[in-house]
Protein backbone atom coordinates (compact mmCIF):
# COMPACT_ATOMS: atom_id res chain seq x y z
CA MET A 1 -2.82 -43.97 44.13
CA GLY A 2 0.12 -42.84 42.01
CA LYS A 3 2.78 -40.42 43.07
CA PRO A 4 2.62 -36.84 41.80
CA SER A 5 4.84 -35.68 38.96
CA TYR A 6 6.30 -32.22 38.48
CA VAL A 7 7.33 -30.65 35.19
CA PHE A 8 9.46 -27.54 34.86
CA LEU A 9 11.23 -25.89 31.96
CA GLU A 10 14.98 -25.96 32.47
CA GLY A 11 16.08 -22.80 34.21
CA GLU A 12 12.50 -22.04 35.28
CA GLU A 13 12.42 -24.26 38.38
CA PRO A 14 11.15 -22.41 41.46
CA GLU A 15 13.98 -21.79 43.95
CA GLU A 16 11.85 -22.80 46.93
CA PHE A 17 10.86 -26.19 45.45
CA ASP A 18 11.79 -29.01 47.86
CA TRP A 19 13.42 -31.47 45.44
CA ALA A 20 14.69 -33.84 48.15
CA GLY A 21 11.36 -33.93 49.98
CA LYS A 22 9.07 -34.29 46.97
CA CYS A 23 11.08 -36.15 44.37
CA GLU A 24 12.14 -39.77 44.33
CA ASP A 25 14.05 -39.30 41.05
CA ILE A 26 14.86 -36.39 38.78
CA VAL A 27 14.66 -36.99 35.03
CA VAL A 28 15.66 -34.53 32.35
CA ALA A 29 13.88 -35.08 29.03
CA THR A 30 14.53 -33.00 25.94
CA VAL A 31 11.57 -31.85 23.86
CA ARG A 32 11.37 -29.18 21.19
CA ARG A 33 10.61 -25.72 22.50
CA THR A 34 7.78 -25.52 19.95
CA GLU A 35 6.05 -28.55 21.51
CA VAL A 36 5.47 -27.01 24.94
CA THR A 37 4.38 -23.69 26.39
CA GLU A 38 4.39 -22.62 30.01
CA SER A 39 0.63 -22.07 30.01
CA ASP A 40 -0.15 -25.79 29.50
CA LEU A 41 3.22 -27.33 30.30
CA ILE A 42 2.21 -30.60 31.94
CA ASN A 43 -0.34 -31.60 29.27
CA GLN A 44 1.88 -30.57 26.36
CA PHE A 45 4.89 -32.32 27.89
CA ALA A 46 2.87 -35.53 28.30
CA ARG A 47 1.71 -35.26 24.69
CA ALA A 48 5.31 -34.72 23.50
CA MET A 49 6.48 -37.78 25.47
CA ASN A 50 3.65 -39.90 24.05
CA THR A 51 4.66 -39.06 20.47
CA GLY A 52 8.06 -40.59 21.15
CA PHE A 53 11.61 -39.38 21.26
CA ILE A 54 15.05 -40.59 20.27
CA LEU A 55 17.60 -41.85 22.75
CA ASP A 56 21.10 -42.02 21.34
CA TRP A 57 24.46 -42.58 22.97
CA ASP A 58 27.87 -43.98 22.19
CA THR A 59 29.47 -46.75 24.19
CA ALA A 60 33.15 -46.30 24.80
CA LYS A 61 35.20 -49.17 23.34
CA GLU A 62 36.73 -49.56 26.78
CA CYS A 63 33.34 -50.77 28.09
CA GLY A 64 33.54 -53.96 26.07
CA GLU A 65 37.09 -54.59 27.29
CA CYS A 66 36.08 -53.94 30.91
CA GLU A 67 32.94 -56.07 30.76
CA SER A 68 34.78 -58.94 29.05
CA THR A 69 36.92 -59.26 32.19
CA GLY A 70 33.95 -59.28 34.58
CA GLY A 71 33.82 -55.55 35.33
CA ARG A 72 31.01 -53.04 35.06
CA CYS A 73 31.61 -50.01 32.89
CA GLY A 74 31.16 -46.46 34.17
CA PHE A 75 32.21 -42.90 33.40
CA ASN A 76 33.67 -40.13 35.56
CA ASN A 77 32.04 -36.87 34.44
CA ARG A 78 34.63 -34.77 36.26
CA THR A 79 37.70 -36.34 34.64
CA LYS A 80 35.92 -37.46 31.44
CA LYS A 81 37.46 -40.93 31.75
CA SER A 82 35.96 -44.39 31.45
CA LEU A 83 35.88 -46.44 34.64
CA CYS A 84 35.85 -50.17 35.26
CA PHE A 85 34.21 -51.32 38.52
CA CYS A 86 35.67 -54.71 39.42
CA ASP A 87 34.17 -57.46 41.58
CA ASP A 88 37.05 -57.14 44.05
CA GLY A 89 35.99 -53.56 44.81
CA SER A 90 38.72 -51.87 42.80
CA ILE A 91 37.89 -49.08 40.39
CA LEU A 92 40.14 -48.72 37.37
CA THR A 93 40.35 -45.89 34.87
CA ASN A 94 41.50 -46.47 31.31
CA ASN A 95 44.93 -45.39 30.19
CA SER A 96 46.72 -46.08 26.95
CA SER A 97 46.68 -49.80 27.77
CA GLY A 98 42.91 -50.07 28.40
CA ALA A 99 40.77 -50.82 31.45
CA TYR A 100 40.70 -54.38 32.76
CA CYS A 101 39.77 -56.10 36.01
CA LYS A 102 41.72 -59.29 35.36
CA GLY A 103 44.38 -60.20 32.87
CA THR A 104 47.71 -58.93 31.71
CA MET A 105 46.93 -55.34 30.76
CA TRP A 106 47.85 -52.54 33.15
CA ALA A 107 45.21 -50.20 34.51
CA GLU A 108 45.58 -47.07 36.59
CA PRO A 109 43.81 -47.30 39.99
CA ILE A 110 41.87 -44.24 41.14
CA VAL A 111 40.88 -43.11 44.58
CA PRO A 112 37.13 -42.38 44.87
């Protein structure tokens, strides 16, 4: 038996809803307001998802530089800076020199 799904319009989530107890993951999906109404939200949302949607994002150029040195690229939403997670456990943020785990370029360490 599958797990239940819950669909809410953004800003219309019930305050008493137990997110931690009922949800394994939270996913935000954008659909046109004209494609869904509150009266038949779950069926219309499913129909909107089945018709397809566009995913689009930009990859920071620093990601390629980080990954080419064995790191994994990330992003700090608070500081709006690219991060490079290195195998040795260090986390580097890009500066004017770029973000690298190994090599000759300097990187600024951050404290998590």
